């Protein structure tokens, strides 16, 4: 499942009209943003016996560096349970108004019976939200400079 930054596609299209220099700026900004998300997610990911989330988090470029997939390699259900929690913890985490319907739908892919008691330790989505909040505006500023 893909989580998209609202308005990003349009901003990229406008910048690309400005030529090769604009595309280089876009790719660098997206790479920097992906790296920031990844670093903070690794810092926030839980670590303990049997947990290797930190080591399996990565960011992979696609579409010639205009798209990034950031996540856990070989995702196991437990990775999602730590991200979203289970039972009441999941309800609390997913009620965050910053979580999109796409994020909630992703969490529901791991729903079992709603009775779990694992407290979530969100590590990926809070950092995605934090680092993409102003991404479109920052790219628009770059458009106006060119």
C-alpha atoms as a PDB file:
ATOM      1  CA  UNK A   1       0.000   0.000   0.000  1.00  0.00           C
ATOM      2  CA  UNK A   2       1.202   3.478  -0.817  1.00  0.00           C
ATOM      3  CA  UNK A   3       0.805   6.597   1.286  1.00  0.00           C
ATOM      4  CA  UNK A   4       1.009   9.725  -0.832  1.00  0.00           C
ATOM      5  CA  UNK A   5       1.833  13.330  -0.003  1.00  0.00           C
ATOM      6  CA  UNK A   6      -1.182  15.369  -1.035  1.00  0.00           C
ATOM      7  CA  UNK A   7      -0.328  17.867  -3.769  1.00  0.00           C
ATOM      8  CA  UNK A   8       3.161  16.472  -4.361  1.00  0.00           C
ATOM      9  CA  UNK A   9       2.495  15.169  -7.873  1.00  0.00           C
ATOM     10  CA  UNK A  10       1.239  18.573  -9.013  1.00  0.00           C
ATOM     11  CA  UNK A  11       4.191  20.395  -7.461  1.00  0.00           C
ATOM     12  CA  UNK A  12       6.628  18.017  -9.156  1.00  0.00           C
ATOM     13  CA  UNK A  13       4.923  18.502 -12.531  1.00  0.00           C
ATOM     14  CA  UNK A  14       5.260  22.279 -12.200  1.00  0.00           C
ATOM     15  CA  UNK A  15       8.911  22.065 -11.209  1.00  0.00           C
ATOM     16  CA  UNK A  16       9.747  19.641 -14.020  1.00  0.00           C
ATOM     17  CA  UNK A  17       8.498  22.212 -16.521  1.00  0.00           C
ATOM     18  CA  UNK A  18      11.441  24.355 -15.389  1.00  0.00           C
ATOM     19  CA  UNK A  19      13.986  21.906 -16.807  1.00  0.00           C
ATOM     20  CA  UNK A  20      16.841  19.684 -15.682  1.00  0.00           C
ATOM     21  CA  UNK A  21      17.951  21.944 -12.848  1.00  0.00           C
ATOM     22  CA  UNK A  22      14.447  21.785 -11.367  1.00  0.00           C
ATOM     23  CA  UNK A  23      14.368  18.004 -11.610  1.00  0.00           C
ATOM     24  CA  UNK A  24      17.703  17.816  -9.807  1.00  0.00           C
ATOM     25  CA  UNK A  25      16.303  20.031  -7.035  1.00  0.00           C
ATOM     26  CA  UNK A  26      13.179  17.848  -6.749  1.00  0.00           C
ATOM     27  CA  UNK A  27      15.155  14.631  -6.545  1.00  0.00           C
ATOM     28  CA  UNK A  28      17.515  16.024  -3.911  1.00  0.00           C
ATOM     29  CA  UNK A  29      14.653  17.348  -1.776  1.00  0.00           C
ATOM     30  CA  UNK A  30      12.818  14.020  -1.984  1.00  0.00           C
ATOM     31  CA  UNK A  31      16.028  12.102  -1.167  1.00  0.00           C
ATOM     32  CA  UNK A  32      16.694  14.400   1.816  1.00  0.00           C
ATOM     33  CA  UNK A  33      13.127  13.987   3.058  1.00  0.00           C
ATOM     34  CA  UNK A  34      13.273  10.195   2.705  1.00  0.00           C
ATOM     35  CA  UNK A  35      16.584  10.128   4.587  1.00  0.00           C
ATOM     36  CA  UNK A  36      15.177  12.295   7.396  1.00  0.00           C
ATOM     37  CA  UNK A  37      12.139  10.015   7.746  1.00  0.00           C
ATOM     38  CA  UNK A  38      14.365   6.934   7.749  1.00  0.00           C
ATOM     39  CA  UNK A  39      16.844   8.265  10.324  1.00  0.00           C
ATOM     40  CA  UNK A  40      14.128   9.375  12.731  1.00  0.00           C
ATOM     41  CA  UNK A  41      12.128   6.162  12.226  1.00  0.00           C
ATOM     42  CA  UNK A  42      15.216   4.100  13.068  1.00  0.00           C
ATOM     43  CA  UNK A  43      15.786   6.209  16.172  1.00  0.00           C
ATOM     44  CA  UNK A  44      12.177   5.747  17.280  1.00  0.00           C
ATOM     45  CA  UNK A  45      11.753   2.060  16.362  1.00  0.00           C
ATOM     46  CA  UNK A  46      11.539  -0.346  19.288  1.00  0.00           C
ATOM     47  CA  UNK A  47      14.501  -2.583  19.926  1.00  0.00           C
ATOM     48  CA  UNK A  48      14.721  -5.688  22.001  1.00  0.00           C
ATOM     49  CA  UNK A  49      15.212  -9.445  21.913  1.00  0.00           C
ATOM     50  CA  UNK A  50      13.818 -10.809  18.682  1.00  0.00           C
ATOM     51  CA  UNK A  51      13.139  -7.329  17.236  1.00  0.00           C
ATOM     52  CA  UNK A  52      15.101  -6.254  14.220  1.00  0.00           C
ATOM     53  CA  UNK A  53      12.915  -3.417  12.975  1.00  0.00           C
ATOM     54  CA  UNK A  54      15.740  -0.876  13.130  1.00  0.00           C
ATOM     55  CA  UNK A  55      17.968  -3.017  10.930  1.00  0.00           C
ATOM     56  CA  UNK A  56      15.198  -3.729   8.401  1.00  0.00           C
ATOM     57  CA  UNK A  57      14.003  -0.154   7.862  1.00  0.00           C
ATOM     58  CA  UNK A  58      15.048   1.270   4.517  1.00  0.00           C
ATOM     59  CA  UNK A  59      14.216   3.856   1.853  1.00  0.00           C
ATOM     60  CA  UNK A  60      14.260   2.812  -1.794  1.00  0.00           C
ATOM     61  CA  UNK A  61      14.015   5.226  -4.738  1.00  0.00           C
ATOM     62  CA  UNK A  62      11.766   4.487  -7.723  1.00  0.00           C
ATOM     63  CA  UNK A  63      10.722   6.409 -10.805  1.00  0.00           C
ATOM     64  CA  UNK A  64      14.245   7.809 -11.259  1.00  0.00           C
ATOM     65  CA  UNK A  65      14.295   9.237  -7.730  1.00  0.00           C
ATOM     66  CA  UNK A  66      10.884  10.926  -7.894  1.00  0.00           C
ATOM     67  CA  UNK A  67       9.242   8.329  -5.653  1.00  0.00           C
ATOM     68  CA  UNK A  68      10.498   6.709  -2.450  1.00  0.00           C
ATOM     69  CA  UNK A  69       9.275   3.636  -0.662  1.00  0.00           C
ATOM     70  CA  UNK A  70      10.123   3.784   3.016  1.00  0.00           C
ATOM     71  CA  UNK A  71       9.340   0.819   5.188  1.00  0.00           C
ATOM     72  CA  UNK A  72      10.417  -2.369   6.850  1.00  0.00           C
ATOM     73  CA  UNK A  73      11.967  -5.049   4.634  1.00  0.00           C
ATOM     74  CA  UNK A  74      10.129  -8.344   4.841  1.00  0.00           C
ATOM     75  CA  UNK A  75       7.370  -6.810   6.940  1.00  0.00           C
ATOM     76  CA  UNK A  76       6.031  -9.115   9.617  1.00  0.00           C
ATOM     77  CA  UNK A  77       2.725  -8.573  11.395  1.00  0.00           C
ATOM     78  CA  UNK A  78       4.639  -7.687  14.571  1.00  0.00           C
ATOM     79  CA  UNK A  79       6.220  -4.698  12.781  1.00  0.00           C
ATOM     80  CA  UNK A  80       2.751  -3.273  12.168  1.00  0.00           C
ATOM     81  CA  UNK A  81       1.624  -4.114  15.709  1.00  0.00           C
ATOM     82  CA  UNK A  82       4.502  -2.051  17.090  1.00  0.00           C
ATOM     83  CA  UNK A  83       3.688   0.791  14.687  1.00  0.00           C
ATOM     84  CA  UNK A  84      -0.057   0.875  15.316  1.00  0.00           C
ATOM     85  CA  UNK A  85      -0.510  -1.060  18.549  1.00  0.00           C
ATOM     86  CA  UNK A  86      -3.319  -3.541  19.082  1.00  0.00           C
ATOM     87  CA  UNK A  87      -6.653  -3.295  20.872  1.00  0.00           C
ATOM     88  CA  UNK A  88      -7.139  -0.059  22.791  1.00  0.00           C
ATOM     89  CA  UNK A  89      -3.631   1.145  21.953  1.00  0.00           C
ATOM     90  CA  UNK A  90      -4.441   0.880  18.234  1.00  0.00           C
ATOM     91  CA  UNK A  91      -7.688   2.802  18.711  1.00  0.00           C
ATOM     92  CA  UNK A  92      -5.837   5.598  20.466  1.00  0.00           C
ATOM     93  CA  UNK A  93      -2.993   5.797  17.950  1.00  0.00           C
ATOM     94  CA  UNK A  94      -5.251   5.622  14.892  1.00  0.00           C
ATOM     95  CA  UNK A  95      -7.574   8.306  16.269  1.00  0.00           C
ATOM     96  CA  UNK A  96      -4.773  10.838  15.752  1.00  0.00           C
ATOM     97  CA  UNK A  97      -6.277  13.408  13.344  1.00  0.00           C
ATOM     98  CA  UNK A  98      -2.970  13.586  11.439  1.00  0.00           C
ATOM     99  CA  UNK A  99      -3.354   9.954  10.344  1.00  0.00           C
ATOM    100  CA  UNK A 100      -4.924   9.720   6.897  1.00  0.00           C
ATOM    101  CA  UNK A 101      -7.534   7.238   5.746  1.00  0.00           C
ATOM    102  CA  UNK A 102      -4.743   5.509   3.786  1.00  0.00           C
ATOM    103  CA  UNK A 103      -2.763   5.033   7.006  1.00  0.00           C
ATOM    104  CA  UNK A 104      -5.805   3.690   8.824  1.00  0.00           C
ATOM    105  CA  UNK A 105      -6.545   1.314   5.931  1.00  0.00           C
ATOM    106  CA  UNK A 106      -2.973   0.031   6.098  1.00  0.00           C
ATOM    107  CA  UNK A 107      -3.347  -0.601   9.835  1.00  0.00           C
ATOM    108  CA  UNK A 108      -6.600  -2.469   9.226  1.00  0.00           C
ATOM    109  CA  UNK A 109      -4.758  -4.923   6.992  1.00  0.00           C
ATOM    110  CA  UNK A 110      -3.231  -6.261  10.225  1.00  0.00           C
ATOM    111  CA  UNK A 111      -6.446  -6.244  12.272  1.00  0.00           C
ATOM    112  CA  UNK A 112      -7.251  -9.560  13.924  1.00  0.00           C
ATOM    113  CA  UNK A 113      -9.931  -9.311  16.610  1.00  0.00           C
ATOM    114  CA  UNK A 114      -9.422  -5.951  18.362  1.00  0.00           C
ATOM    115  CA  UNK A 115      -8.592  -7.643  21.670  1.00  0.00           C
ATOM    116  CA  UNK A 116      -4.815  -7.304  21.565  1.00  0.00           C
ATOM    117  CA  UNK A 117      -2.921  -5.617  24.381  1.00  0.00           C
ATOM    118  CA  UNK A 118       0.357  -4.633  22.734  1.00  0.00           C
ATOM    119  CA  UNK A 119       1.075  -0.933  23.225  1.00  0.00           C
ATOM    120  CA  UNK A 120       2.115   0.664  19.999  1.00  0.00           C
ATOM    121  CA  UNK A 121       5.427   2.446  19.638  1.00  0.00           C
ATOM    122  CA  UNK A 122       4.808   4.417  16.449  1.00  0.00           C
ATOM    123  CA  UNK A 123       8.103   4.851  14.667  1.00  0.00           C
ATOM    124  CA  UNK A 124       7.429   5.332  10.948  1.00  0.00           C
ATOM    125  CA  UNK A 125       4.206   7.267  10.417  1.00  0.00           C
ATOM    126  CA  UNK A 126       4.816  10.071  12.935  1.00  0.00           C
ATOM    127  CA  UNK A 127       8.116  10.762  11.177  1.00  0.00           C
ATOM    128  CA  UNK A 128       6.472  10.592   7.761  1.00  0.00           C
ATOM    129  CA  UNK A 129       3.895  13.142   8.932  1.00  0.00           C
ATOM    130  CA  UNK A 130       6.566  15.372  10.480  1.00  0.00           C
ATOM    131  CA  UNK A 131       8.901  15.425   7.490  1.00  0.00           C
ATOM    132  CA  UNK A 132       6.296  15.696   4.729  1.00  0.00           C
ATOM    133  CA  UNK A 133       4.094  18.323   6.382  1.00  0.00           C
ATOM    134  CA  UNK A 134       5.708  21.208   4.472  1.00  0.00           C
ATOM    135  CA  UNK A 135       7.182  19.300   1.543  1.00  0.00           C
ATOM    136  CA  UNK A 136       4.785  20.638  -1.090  1.00  0.00           C
ATOM    137  CA  UNK A 137       5.222  24.221   0.134  1.00  0.00           C
ATOM    138  CA  UNK A 138       9.002  23.843   0.069  1.00  0.00           C
ATOM    139  CA  UNK A 139       8.873  22.566  -3.520  1.00  0.00           C
ATOM    140  CA  UNK A 140       6.579  25.458  -4.487  1.00  0.00           C
ATOM    141  CA  UNK A 141       9.166  27.874  -3.061  1.00  0.00           C
ATOM    142  CA  UNK A 142      11.734  26.243  -5.319  1.00  0.00           C
ATOM    143  CA  UNK A 143       9.390  26.767  -8.279  1.00  0.00           C
ATOM    144  CA  UNK A 144       9.168  30.481  -7.556  1.00  0.00           C
ATOM    145  CA  UNK A 145      12.981  30.769  -7.332  1.00  0.00           C
ATOM    146  CA  UNK A 146      13.404  29.300 -10.805  1.00  0.00           C
END
